Amino acid sequence: MMDNFERGEEITLEDGNKYIVVDFFNYKSKKYLYLISEDEEHDIALVYLENDEIVPIEDDKEYDEVFKELVNRNKEEISKYLNEVNEN
């Protein structure tokens, strides 16, 4: 397993499902990945790296906090996308 991931990179989880890396970031001394399934685009995952393993976030409070950080990190892209949607 790698220590760094690039946006758009394809990874395969232990269950055999393939995901595309949408974002990879450090937050509160953990490394997080935001993933979208290659096969089912509504299937998303917000996970973290621990000992070179991809681990799902099981704590609801941590998930909410990390999701807010993800949105803040991508605020500009999200705003641009929403503006395009509203124009159409």
C-alpha atoms as a PDB file:
ATOM      1  CA  MET A   1       0.000   0.000   0.000  1.00  0.00           C
ATOM      2  CA  MET A   2       1.164   3.537  -0.632  1.00  0.00           C
ATOM      3  CA  ASP A   3       1.518   6.515   1.622  1.00  0.00           C
ATOM      4  CA  ASN A   4       0.268   8.975  -0.993  1.00  0.00           C
ATOM      5  CA  PHE A   5      -2.650   8.835  -3.376  1.00  0.00           C
ATOM      6  CA  GLU A   6      -3.412  11.004  -6.389  1.00  0.00           C
ATOM      7  CA  ARG A   7      -6.838  12.283  -7.411  1.00  0.00           C
ATOM      8  CA  GLY A   8      -8.198  10.034 -10.130  1.00  0.00           C
ATOM      9  CA  GLU A   9      -6.067   7.082  -9.057  1.00  0.00           C
ATOM     10  CA  GLU A  10      -7.812   3.703  -9.069  1.00  0.00           C
ATOM     11  CA  ILE A  11      -7.471   1.472  -6.024  1.00  0.00           C
ATOM     12  CA  THR A  12      -8.921  -1.953  -5.244  1.00  0.00           C
ATOM     13  CA  LEU A  13     -10.110  -2.614  -1.709  1.00  0.00           C
ATOM     14  CA  GLU A  14      -9.810  -5.960   0.063  1.00  0.00           C
ATOM     15  CA  ASP A  15     -13.374  -6.853  -0.961  1.00  0.00           C
ATOM     16  CA  GLY A  16     -12.313  -6.591  -4.610  1.00  0.00           C
ATOM     17  CA  ASN A  17     -14.326  -3.434  -5.326  1.00  0.00           C
ATOM     18  CA  LYS A  18     -12.548  -0.772  -7.366  1.00  0.00           C
ATOM     19  CA  TYR A  19     -12.689   2.871  -6.307  1.00  0.00           C
ATOM     20  CA  ILE A  20     -11.417   6.148  -7.718  1.00  0.00           C
ATOM     21  CA  VAL A  21      -9.645   8.554  -5.346  1.00  0.00           C
ATOM     22  CA  VAL A  22     -11.548  11.851  -5.292  1.00  0.00           C
ATOM     23  CA  ASP A  23      -9.491  13.408  -2.500  1.00  0.00           C
ATOM     24  CA  PHE A  24      -6.633  12.484  -0.192  1.00  0.00           C
ATOM     25  CA  PHE A  25      -5.813  14.695   2.792  1.00  0.00           C
ATOM     26  CA  ASN A  26      -4.348  14.886   6.280  1.00  0.00           C
ATOM     27  CA  TYR A  27      -6.635  15.931   9.099  1.00  0.00           C
ATOM     28  CA  LYS A  28      -5.823  15.762  12.820  1.00  0.00           C
ATOM     29  CA  SER A  29      -2.752  13.580  12.181  1.00  0.00           C
ATOM     30  CA  LYS A  30      -4.659  10.963  10.137  1.00  0.00           C
ATOM     31  CA  LYS A  31      -4.633  10.432   6.394  1.00  0.00           C
ATOM     32  CA  TYR A  32      -8.102  10.276   4.824  1.00  0.00           C
ATOM     33  CA  LEU A  33      -9.339   9.173   1.429  1.00  0.00           C
ATOM     34  CA  TYR A  34     -12.620  10.097  -0.211  1.00  0.00           C
ATOM     35  CA  LEU A  35     -13.493   7.399  -2.741  1.00  0.00           C
ATOM     36  CA  ILE A  36     -16.174   6.802  -5.365  1.00  0.00           C
ATOM     37  CA  SER A  37     -16.903   3.330  -6.681  1.00  0.00           C
ATOM     38  CA  GLU A  38     -15.799   2.761 -10.261  1.00  0.00           C
ATOM     39  CA  ASP A  39     -18.868   0.585 -10.933  1.00  0.00           C
ATOM     40  CA  GLU A  40     -21.566   2.324  -8.905  1.00  0.00           C
ATOM     41  CA  GLU A  41     -21.087   6.103  -8.776  1.00  0.00           C
ATOM     42  CA  HIS A  42     -23.525   6.493  -5.877  1.00  0.00           C
ATOM     43  CA  ASP A  43     -21.292   4.235  -3.761  1.00  0.00           C
ATOM     44  CA  ILE A  44     -18.880   6.493  -1.880  1.00  0.00           C
ATOM     45  CA  ALA A  45     -16.470   5.822   0.947  1.00  0.00           C
ATOM     46  CA  LEU A  46     -14.707   8.088   3.411  1.00  0.00           C
ATOM     47  CA  VAL A  47     -11.873   6.069   4.948  1.00  0.00           C
ATOM     48  CA  TYR A  48      -8.509   6.529   6.643  1.00  0.00           C
ATOM     49  CA  LEU A  49      -5.100   4.882   6.411  1.00  0.00           C
ATOM     50  CA  GLU A  50      -3.719   2.960   9.358  1.00  0.00           C
ATOM     51  CA  ASN A  51      -0.597   0.771   9.100  1.00  0.00           C
ATOM     52  CA  ASP A  52      -0.888   0.866   5.288  1.00  0.00           C
ATOM     53  CA  GLU A  53      -4.454  -0.458   5.482  1.00  0.00           C
ATOM     54  CA  ILE A  54      -7.618   1.324   4.346  1.00  0.00           C
ATOM     55  CA  VAL A  55     -10.030   1.461   7.280  1.00  0.00           C
ATOM     56  CA  PRO A  56     -13.678   2.652   7.236  1.00  0.00           C
ATOM     57  CA  ILE A  57     -14.576   5.435   9.681  1.00  0.00           C
ATOM     58  CA  GLU A  58     -16.948   3.874  12.194  1.00  0.00           C
ATOM     59  CA  ASP A  59     -17.335   6.760  14.633  1.00  0.00           C
ATOM     60  CA  ASP A  60     -20.228   9.021  13.530  1.00  0.00           C
ATOM     61  CA  LYS A  61     -18.704  12.120  15.126  1.00  0.00           C
ATOM     62  CA  GLU A  62     -15.369  11.560  13.381  1.00  0.00           C
ATOM     63  CA  TYR A  63     -17.150  10.902  10.063  1.00  0.00           C
ATOM     64  CA  ASP A  64     -19.138  14.160  10.339  1.00  0.00           C
ATOM     65  CA  GLU A  65     -16.010  16.130  11.243  1.00  0.00           C
ATOM     66  CA  VAL A  66     -13.976  14.662   8.390  1.00  0.00           C
ATOM     67  CA  PHE A  67     -16.843  15.158   5.929  1.00  0.00           C
ATOM     68  CA  LYS A  68     -17.032  18.860   6.908  1.00  0.00           C
ATOM     69  CA  GLU A  69     -13.272  19.150   6.351  1.00  0.00           C
ATOM     70  CA  LEU A  70     -13.675  17.486   2.948  1.00  0.00           C
ATOM     71  CA  VAL A  71     -16.379  20.001   1.971  1.00  0.00           C
ATOM     72  CA  ASN A  72     -14.244  22.927   3.205  1.00  0.00           C
ATOM     73  CA  ARG A  73     -11.262  21.671   1.212  1.00  0.00           C
ATOM     74  CA  ASN A  74     -13.380  21.446  -1.937  1.00  0.00           C
ATOM     75  CA  LYS A  75     -15.610  24.479  -1.372  1.00  0.00           C
ATOM     76  CA  GLU A  76     -14.456  26.245  -4.540  1.00  0.00           C
ATOM     77  CA  GLU A  77     -15.128  23.218  -6.765  1.00  0.00           C
ATOM     78  CA  ILE A  78     -18.501  22.603  -5.121  1.00  0.00           C
ATOM     79  CA  SER A  79     -19.541  26.258  -5.595  1.00  0.00           C
ATOM     80  CA  LYS A  80     -18.502  26.127  -9.250  1.00  0.00           C
ATOM     81  CA  TYR A  81     -20.494  22.930  -9.759  1.00  0.00           C
ATOM     82  CA  LEU A  82     -23.592  24.355  -8.033  1.00  0.00           C
ATOM     83  CA  ASN A  83     -23.381  27.531 -10.141  1.00  0.00           C
ATOM     84  CA  GLU A  84     -23.260  25.434 -13.321  1.00  0.00           C
ATOM     85  CA  VAL A  85     -26.259  23.412 -12.149  1.00  0.00           C
ATOM     86  CA  ASN A  86     -28.221  26.583 -11.324  1.00  0.00           C
ATOM     87  CA  GLU A  87     -27.435  28.113 -14.732  1.00  0.00           C
ATOM     88  CA  ASN A  88     -28.939  25.137 -16.573  1.00  0.00           C
END
